[in-house]
């Protein structure tokens, strides 16, 4: 119904980015720039996207500086690691892949997102 107004996307495609209560604050469906864009607020969405990208750049630079300091000082440095995935070699393809290591569903059940970084 009304497919011509929805670019002929399937119902599944139209609902993939729909917000879902109870998900992690890092869930991409909570991206403020995405929400603004979907509401037709293009200029605000672009400004927000620029802000998010700059925040990501600063975060990366901070991690790189910490790693450099640790190398200079000879102290151990624990690099960034994803919360719920780890890189492992796929036994079939022998390529590195991100494999779910657990924790997300438990955090969702408890609604405890204290381990999530502030990415937005």
C-alpha atoms as a PDB file:
ATOM      1  CA  UNK A   1       0.000   0.000   0.000  1.00  0.00           C
ATOM      2  CA  UNK A   2       1.301   3.486  -0.980  1.00  0.00           C
ATOM      3  CA  UNK A   3       4.463   1.848  -2.372  1.00  0.00           C
ATOM      4  CA  UNK A   4       5.070   4.695  -4.815  1.00  0.00           C
ATOM      5  CA  UNK A   5       5.401   7.076  -1.848  1.00  0.00           C
ATOM      6  CA  UNK A   6       7.887   4.761  -0.148  1.00  0.00           C
ATOM      7  CA  UNK A   7      10.267   4.321  -3.099  1.00  0.00           C
ATOM      8  CA  UNK A   8       8.847   0.806  -3.613  1.00  0.00           C
ATOM      9  CA  UNK A   9      10.738  -0.485  -0.569  1.00  0.00           C
ATOM     10  CA  UNK A  10       9.382  -3.612   1.070  1.00  0.00           C
ATOM     11  CA  UNK A  11       7.748  -3.333   4.480  1.00  0.00           C
ATOM     12  CA  UNK A  12      10.815  -5.002   5.967  1.00  0.00           C
ATOM     13  CA  UNK A  13      13.146  -2.417   4.404  1.00  0.00           C
ATOM     14  CA  UNK A  14      10.941   0.419   5.635  1.00  0.00           C
ATOM     15  CA  UNK A  15      10.988  -0.820   9.224  1.00  0.00           C
ATOM     16  CA  UNK A  16      14.646  -1.887   9.563  1.00  0.00           C
ATOM     17  CA  UNK A  17      15.692   1.436  11.064  1.00  0.00           C
ATOM     18  CA  UNK A  18      12.624   1.861  13.278  1.00  0.00           C
ATOM     19  CA  UNK A  19      13.610   2.651  16.883  1.00  0.00           C
ATOM     20  CA  UNK A  20      13.154  -0.166  19.369  1.00  0.00           C
ATOM     21  CA  UNK A  21      12.860   0.522  23.088  1.00  0.00           C
ATOM     22  CA  UNK A  22      15.295  -1.253  25.361  1.00  0.00           C
ATOM     23  CA  UNK A  23      18.217  -1.448  22.953  1.00  0.00           C
ATOM     24  CA  UNK A  24      21.742  -0.297  23.741  1.00  0.00           C
ATOM     25  CA  UNK A  25      22.379   3.448  23.553  1.00  0.00           C
ATOM     26  CA  UNK A  26      25.046   2.612  20.951  1.00  0.00           C
ATOM     27  CA  UNK A  27      22.475   1.015  18.621  1.00  0.00           C
ATOM     28  CA  UNK A  28      22.736   2.752  15.254  1.00  0.00           C
ATOM     29  CA  UNK A  29      18.972   3.301  15.244  1.00  0.00           C
ATOM     30  CA  UNK A  30      19.545   5.963  17.914  1.00  0.00           C
ATOM     31  CA  UNK A  31      21.893   8.005  15.705  1.00  0.00           C
ATOM     32  CA  UNK A  32      20.647  11.571  16.068  1.00  0.00           C
ATOM     33  CA  UNK A  33      21.697  12.526  12.532  1.00  0.00           C
ATOM     34  CA  UNK A  34      19.732   9.582  11.129  1.00  0.00           C
ATOM     35  CA  UNK A  35      16.632  10.523  13.107  1.00  0.00           C
ATOM     36  CA  UNK A  36      16.848  14.128  11.874  1.00  0.00           C
ATOM     37  CA  UNK A  37      17.288  13.002   8.274  1.00  0.00           C
ATOM     38  CA  UNK A  38      14.305  10.660   8.485  1.00  0.00           C
ATOM     39  CA  UNK A  39      12.235  13.577   9.737  1.00  0.00           C
ATOM     40  CA  UNK A  40      13.261  15.672   6.729  1.00  0.00           C
ATOM     41  CA  UNK A  41      15.448  18.062   8.737  1.00  0.00           C
ATOM     42  CA  UNK A  42      18.345  17.869   6.271  1.00  0.00           C
ATOM     43  CA  UNK A  43      20.420  20.871   7.381  1.00  0.00           C
ATOM     44  CA  UNK A  44      20.270  19.846  11.034  1.00  0.00           C
ATOM     45  CA  UNK A  45      21.049  16.236  10.090  1.00  0.00           C
ATOM     46  CA  UNK A  46      24.140  17.315   8.162  1.00  0.00           C
ATOM     47  CA  UNK A  47      25.371  19.473  11.049  1.00  0.00           C
ATOM     48  CA  UNK A  48      24.778  16.617  13.477  1.00  0.00           C
ATOM     49  CA  UNK A  49      26.624  14.177  11.217  1.00  0.00           C
ATOM     50  CA  UNK A  50      29.595  16.549  11.153  1.00  0.00           C
ATOM     51  CA  UNK A  51      29.530  16.762  14.954  1.00  0.00           C
ATOM     52  CA  UNK A  52      29.451  12.965  15.301  1.00  0.00           C
ATOM     53  CA  UNK A  53      32.314  12.507  12.849  1.00  0.00           C
ATOM     54  CA  UNK A  54      34.449  15.050  14.695  1.00  0.00           C
ATOM     55  CA  UNK A  55      33.680  13.299  17.990  1.00  0.00           C
ATOM     56  CA  UNK A  56      34.832  10.009  16.433  1.00  0.00           C
ATOM     57  CA  UNK A  57      38.042  11.617  15.152  1.00  0.00           C
ATOM     58  CA  UNK A  58      38.840  13.045  18.587  1.00  0.00           C
ATOM     59  CA  UNK A  59      38.195   9.678  20.210  1.00  0.00           C
ATOM     60  CA  UNK A  60      40.549   7.945  17.761  1.00  0.00           C
ATOM     61  CA  UNK A  61      43.239  10.597  18.300  1.00  0.00           C
ATOM     62  CA  UNK A  62      42.914  10.181  22.074  1.00  0.00           C
ATOM     63  CA  UNK A  63      43.378   6.390  21.780  1.00  0.00           C
ATOM     64  CA  UNK A  64      46.377   6.861  19.479  1.00  0.00           C
ATOM     65  CA  UNK A  65      47.956   9.337  21.912  1.00  0.00           C
ATOM     66  CA  UNK A  66      47.411   6.939  24.838  1.00  0.00           C
ATOM     67  CA  UNK A  67      49.042   4.129  22.853  1.00  0.00           C
ATOM     68  CA  UNK A  68      52.010   6.346  21.947  1.00  0.00           C
ATOM     69  CA  UNK A  69      52.478   7.432  25.584  1.00  0.00           C
ATOM     70  CA  UNK A  70      52.350   3.815  26.745  1.00  0.00           C
ATOM     71  CA  UNK A  71      54.953   2.854  24.149  1.00  0.00           C
ATOM     72  CA  UNK A  72      57.237   5.706  25.250  1.00  0.00           C
ATOM     73  CA  UNK A  73      56.793   4.871  28.939  1.00  0.00           C
ATOM     74  CA  UNK A  74      57.103   1.141  28.358  1.00  0.00           C
ATOM     75  CA  UNK A  75      53.786   0.550  30.110  1.00  0.00           C
ATOM     76  CA  UNK A  76      51.183  -1.925  28.897  1.00  0.00           C
ATOM     77  CA  UNK A  77      48.427  -0.524  26.755  1.00  0.00           C
ATOM     78  CA  UNK A  78      45.125  -2.285  26.258  1.00  0.00           C
ATOM     79  CA  UNK A  79      43.803  -1.188  22.846  1.00  0.00           C
ATOM     80  CA  UNK A  80      40.143  -0.617  22.126  1.00  0.00           C
ATOM     81  CA  UNK A  81      38.073  -3.772  21.969  1.00  0.00           C
ATOM     82  CA  UNK A  82      34.435  -4.079  20.945  1.00  0.00           C
ATOM     83  CA  UNK A  83      32.093  -4.952  23.800  1.00  0.00           C
ATOM     84  CA  UNK A  84      30.285  -7.910  22.320  1.00  0.00           C
ATOM     85  CA  UNK A  85      32.532  -9.147  19.521  1.00  0.00           C
ATOM     86  CA  UNK A  86      36.060 -10.455  19.171  1.00  0.00           C
ATOM     87  CA  UNK A  87      38.249 -11.017  16.143  1.00  0.00           C
ATOM     88  CA  UNK A  88      38.864 -14.672  15.458  1.00  0.00           C
ATOM     89  CA  UNK A  89      40.060 -16.671  12.530  1.00  0.00           C
ATOM     90  CA  UNK A  90      37.165 -18.337  10.720  1.00  0.00           C
ATOM     91  CA  UNK A  91      37.849 -22.083  10.761  1.00  0.00           C
ATOM     92  CA  UNK A  92      36.535 -22.511   7.216  1.00  0.00           C
ATOM     93  CA  UNK A  93      37.852 -19.464   5.359  1.00  0.00           C
ATOM     94  CA  UNK A  94      40.869 -18.819   7.622  1.00  0.00           C
ATOM     95  CA  UNK A  95      40.007 -15.096   7.455  1.00  0.00           C
ATOM     96  CA  UNK A  96      39.623 -12.850  10.486  1.00  0.00           C
ATOM     97  CA  UNK A  97      35.996 -12.269  11.408  1.00  0.00           C
ATOM     98  CA  UNK A  98      34.164 -10.531  14.245  1.00  0.00           C
ATOM     99  CA  UNK A  99      32.433 -13.218  16.300  1.00  0.00           C
ATOM    100  CA  UNK A 100      29.827 -12.545  18.984  1.00  0.00           C
ATOM    101  CA  UNK A 101      31.344 -13.250  22.407  1.00  0.00           C
ATOM    102  CA  UNK A 102      28.244 -12.734  24.547  1.00  0.00           C
ATOM    103  CA  UNK A 103      26.937 -10.124  26.937  1.00  0.00           C
ATOM    104  CA  UNK A 104      24.535  -8.079  24.829  1.00  0.00           C
ATOM    105  CA  UNK A 105      21.380 -10.072  25.550  1.00  0.00           C
ATOM    106  CA  UNK A 106      22.211 -10.210  29.259  1.00  0.00           C
ATOM    107  CA  UNK A 107      22.693  -6.430  29.330  1.00  0.00           C
ATOM    108  CA  UNK A 108      19.455  -5.950  27.424  1.00  0.00           C
ATOM    109  CA  UNK A 109      17.545  -8.183  29.824  1.00  0.00           C
ATOM    110  CA  UNK A 110      18.894  -6.243  32.828  1.00  0.00           C
ATOM    111  CA  UNK A 111      18.715  -2.918  30.983  1.00  0.00           C
ATOM    112  CA  UNK A 112      22.255  -2.304  32.202  1.00  0.00           C
ATOM    113  CA  UNK A 113      24.120  -0.388  29.535  1.00  0.00           C
ATOM    114  CA  UNK A 114      26.835   0.943  31.864  1.00  0.00           C
ATOM    115  CA  UNK A 115      29.598  -0.610  29.737  1.00  0.00           C
ATOM    116  CA  UNK A 116      28.491   1.254  26.606  1.00  0.00           C
ATOM    117  CA  UNK A 117      30.594   4.245  25.566  1.00  0.00           C
ATOM    118  CA  UNK A 118      28.975   7.589  24.794  1.00  0.00           C
ATOM    119  CA  UNK A 119      29.265   7.551  21.013  1.00  0.00           C
ATOM    120  CA  UNK A 120      26.504   9.994  20.115  1.00  0.00           C
END
